[in-house]
Amino acid sequence: MLTASRQHLNLADDLLVYLVAVVTITVLGGFWPAVLAAVAASLLLNWYFTEPLHTFTIQQPRELLACCCS
């Protein structure tokens, strides 16, 4: 759903959606599912929403902080 609306959203919007998902998993699942969800969210943000797409390389230094601290 987020990749289809990628043209209309920026990285901060995508980050907030993933953050809501991680918080929801934390409330429902506890600590270890939350850790797994946070790592997965960080990797998925990097893969799908940071340039160059579909790599784990980050082109903009400011996006490194957003992906790692999500």
N, C-alpha and C. Protein backbone atom coordinates (compact mmCIF):
# COMPACT_ATOMS: atom_id res chain seq x y z
N MET A 1 0.83 -1.18 0.00
CA MET A 1 0.00 0.00 0.00
C MET A 1 0.88 1.25 0.00
N LEU A 2 1.95 1.26 0.80
CA LEU A 2 2.81 2.43 0.85
C LEU A 2 3.62 2.61 -0.43
N THR A 3 4.02 1.51 -1.05
CA THR A 3 4.80 1.64 -2.28
C THR A 3 3.94 2.19 -3.42
N ALA A 4 2.66 1.91 -3.40
CA ALA A 4 1.77 2.45 -4.43
C ALA A 4 1.59 3.95 -4.27
N SER A 5 1.67 4.46 -3.05
CA SER A 5 1.50 5.89 -2.80
C SER A 5 2.84 6.58 -2.56
N ARG A 6 3.93 5.98 -3.00
CA ARG A 6 5.28 6.51 -2.77
C ARG A 6 5.46 7.91 -3.35
N GLN A 7 4.81 8.22 -4.46
CA GLN A 7 4.96 9.53 -5.10
C GLN A 7 4.35 10.64 -4.26
N HIS A 8 3.36 10.31 -3.44
CA HIS A 8 2.65 11.33 -2.67
C HIS A 8 3.15 11.46 -1.24
N LEU A 9 3.95 10.50 -0.78
CA LEU A 9 4.44 10.51 0.60
C LEU A 9 5.95 10.69 0.62
N ASN A 10 6.46 11.28 1.70
CA ASN A 10 7.90 11.36 1.85
C ASN A 10 8.35 10.35 2.90
N LEU A 11 9.63 10.30 3.19
CA LEU A 11 10.17 9.31 4.10
C LEU A 11 9.60 9.46 5.51
N ALA A 12 9.34 10.68 5.93
CA ALA A 12 8.78 10.90 7.27
C ALA A 12 7.38 10.30 7.39
N ASP A 13 6.59 10.39 6.36
CA ASP A 13 5.25 9.80 6.38
C ASP A 13 5.33 8.28 6.46
N ASP A 14 6.20 7.70 5.68
CA ASP A 14 6.38 6.24 5.72
C ASP A 14 6.90 5.79 7.07
N LEU A 15 7.80 6.57 7.64
CA LEU A 15 8.36 6.26 8.95
C LEU A 15 7.27 6.25 10.02
N LEU A 16 6.37 7.19 9.96
CA LEU A 16 5.28 7.25 10.95
C LEU A 16 4.34 6.06 10.83
N VAL A 17 4.08 5.61 9.62
CA VAL A 17 3.23 4.43 9.43
C VAL A 17 3.89 3.20 10.04
N TYR A 18 5.19 3.03 9.78
CA TYR A 18 5.91 1.90 10.35
C TYR A 18 6.00 2.01 11.87
N LEU A 19 6.14 3.22 12.39
CA LEU A 19 6.20 3.42 13.83
C LEU A 19 4.90 3.02 14.51
N VAL A 20 3.78 3.36 13.91
CA VAL A 20 2.48 2.95 14.45
C VAL A 20 2.38 1.42 14.45
N ALA A 21 2.85 0.79 13.39
CA ALA A 21 2.82 -0.68 13.34
C ALA A 21 3.69 -1.29 14.43
N VAL A 22 4.87 -0.74 14.65
CA VAL A 22 5.77 -1.27 15.69
C VAL A 22 5.17 -1.07 17.08
N VAL A 23 4.59 0.08 17.33
CA VAL A 23 3.96 0.33 18.63
C VAL A 23 2.79 -0.62 18.85
N THR A 24 2.00 -0.86 17.83
CA THR A 24 0.88 -1.80 17.94
C THR A 24 1.38 -3.21 18.25
N ILE A 25 2.44 -3.63 17.57
CA ILE A 25 3.01 -4.95 17.84
C ILE A 25 3.58 -5.01 19.25
N THR A 26 4.16 -3.92 19.72
CA THR A 26 4.68 -3.87 21.09
C THR A 26 3.58 -4.06 22.11
N VAL A 27 2.48 -3.37 21.93
CA VAL A 27 1.36 -3.47 22.88
C VAL A 27 0.76 -4.87 22.86
N LEU A 28 0.61 -5.44 21.69
CA LEU A 28 -0.04 -6.74 21.59
C LEU A 28 0.90 -7.91 21.86
N GLY A 29 2.17 -7.79 21.45
CA GLY A 29 3.06 -8.95 21.50
C GLY A 29 4.12 -8.95 22.57
N GLY A 30 4.53 -7.79 23.03
CA GLY A 30 5.58 -7.73 24.04
C GLY A 30 6.91 -7.31 23.46
N PHE A 31 7.96 -7.56 24.24
CA PHE A 31 9.28 -7.04 23.94
C PHE A 31 9.92 -7.66 22.69
N TRP A 32 10.04 -8.98 22.64
CA TRP A 32 10.75 -9.62 21.52
C TRP A 32 10.06 -9.44 20.18
N PRO A 33 8.75 -9.56 20.10
CA PRO A 33 8.11 -9.23 18.82
C PRO A 33 8.31 -7.76 18.43
N ALA A 34 8.40 -6.87 19.42
CA ALA A 34 8.64 -5.46 19.14
C ALA A 34 10.04 -5.24 18.58
N VAL A 35 11.02 -5.93 19.13
CA VAL A 35 12.39 -5.82 18.62
C VAL A 35 12.46 -6.31 17.19
N LEU A 36 11.85 -7.45 16.93
CA LEU A 36 11.82 -7.99 15.57
C LEU A 36 11.10 -7.04 14.61
N ALA A 37 9.99 -6.47 15.04
CA ALA A 37 9.24 -5.54 14.20
C ALA A 37 10.04 -4.27 13.93
N ALA A 38 10.77 -3.78 14.91
CA ALA A 38 11.56 -2.57 14.73
C ALA A 38 12.71 -2.80 13.74
N VAL A 39 13.37 -3.94 13.85
CA VAL A 39 14.45 -4.26 12.91
C VAL A 39 13.88 -4.45 11.51
N ALA A 40 12.78 -5.16 11.40
CA ALA A 40 12.15 -5.38 10.09
C ALA A 40 11.68 -4.06 9.49
N ALA A 41 11.11 -3.18 10.29
CA ALA A 41 10.65 -1.88 9.78
C ALA A 41 11.82 -1.05 9.27
N SER A 42 12.92 -1.07 9.99
CA SER A 42 14.09 -0.33 9.56
C SER A 42 14.62 -0.85 8.22
N LEU A 43 14.71 -2.17 8.09
CA LEU A 43 15.19 -2.75 6.84
C LEU A 43 14.23 -2.50 5.68
N LEU A 44 12.92 -2.62 5.95
CA LEU A 44 11.93 -2.39 4.89
C LEU A 44 11.92 -0.93 4.44
N LEU A 45 12.06 0.01 5.39
CA LEU A 45 12.15 1.42 5.01
C LEU A 45 13.35 1.67 4.11
N ASN A 46 14.47 1.07 4.48
CA ASN A 46 15.67 1.25 3.68
C ASN A 46 15.50 0.63 2.30
N TRP A 47 14.93 -0.55 2.22
CA TRP A 47 14.79 -1.27 0.95
C TRP A 47 13.82 -0.58 -0.01
N TYR A 48 12.66 -0.15 0.50
CA TYR A 48 11.60 0.35 -0.37
C TYR A 48 11.52 1.87 -0.52
N PHE A 49 12.06 2.62 0.44
CA PHE A 49 11.76 4.05 0.44
C PHE A 49 12.96 4.98 0.45
N THR A 50 14.19 4.48 0.47
CA THR A 50 15.35 5.36 0.39
C THR A 50 16.07 5.13 -0.92
N GLU A 51 16.57 6.22 -1.50
CA GLU A 51 17.31 6.13 -2.77
C GLU A 51 18.70 5.59 -2.50
N PRO A 52 19.25 4.76 -3.31
CA PRO A 52 18.69 4.03 -4.43
C PRO A 52 17.76 2.93 -3.95
N LEU A 53 16.64 2.77 -4.61
CA LEU A 53 15.62 1.81 -4.21
C LEU A 53 16.10 0.38 -4.40
N HIS A 54 15.59 -0.50 -3.57
CA HIS A 54 15.84 -1.95 -3.62
C HIS A 54 17.31 -2.31 -3.40
N THR A 55 17.98 -1.50 -2.59
CA THR A 55 19.32 -1.82 -2.09
C THR A 55 19.35 -1.41 -0.62
N PHE A 56 20.35 -1.88 0.08
CA PHE A 56 20.51 -1.45 1.47
C PHE A 56 21.51 -0.31 1.59
N THR A 57 21.75 0.39 0.49
CA THR A 57 22.62 1.55 0.47
C THR A 57 21.76 2.80 0.69
N ILE A 58 22.27 3.72 1.49
CA ILE A 58 21.55 4.97 1.75
C ILE A 58 22.34 6.10 1.12
N GLN A 59 21.70 6.83 0.21
CA GLN A 59 22.37 7.89 -0.54
C GLN A 59 22.45 9.18 0.26
N GLN A 60 21.39 9.54 0.94
CA GLN A 60 21.34 10.78 1.72
C GLN A 60 21.71 10.51 3.17
N PRO A 61 22.69 11.21 3.73
CA PRO A 61 23.09 10.97 5.13
C PRO A 61 21.96 11.21 6.13
N ARG A 62 21.06 12.15 5.85
CA ARG A 62 19.97 12.41 6.79
C ARG A 62 18.98 11.25 6.86
N GLU A 63 18.91 10.42 5.82
CA GLU A 63 18.01 9.28 5.82
C GLU A 63 18.55 8.13 6.66
N LEU A 64 19.87 8.10 6.91
CA LEU A 64 20.46 7.07 7.76
C LEU A 64 19.89 7.16 9.16
N LEU A 65 19.81 8.37 9.70
CA LEU A 65 19.26 8.55 11.05
C LEU A 65 17.79 8.16 11.09
N ALA A 66 17.04 8.47 10.07
CA ALA A 66 15.61 8.12 10.04
C ALA A 66 15.42 6.61 10.01
N CYS A 67 16.21 5.90 9.23
CA CYS A 67 16.04 4.45 9.11
C CYS A 67 16.53 3.72 10.36
N CYS A 68 17.62 4.17 10.93
CA CYS A 68 18.20 3.46 12.07
C CYS A 68 17.48 3.76 13.38
N CYS A 69 16.87 4.89 13.48
CA CYS A 69 16.23 5.28 14.74
C CYS A 69 14.72 5.12 14.70
N SER A 70 14.21 4.40 13.72
CA SER A 70 12.76 4.21 13.65
C SER A 70 12.31 3.16 14.63
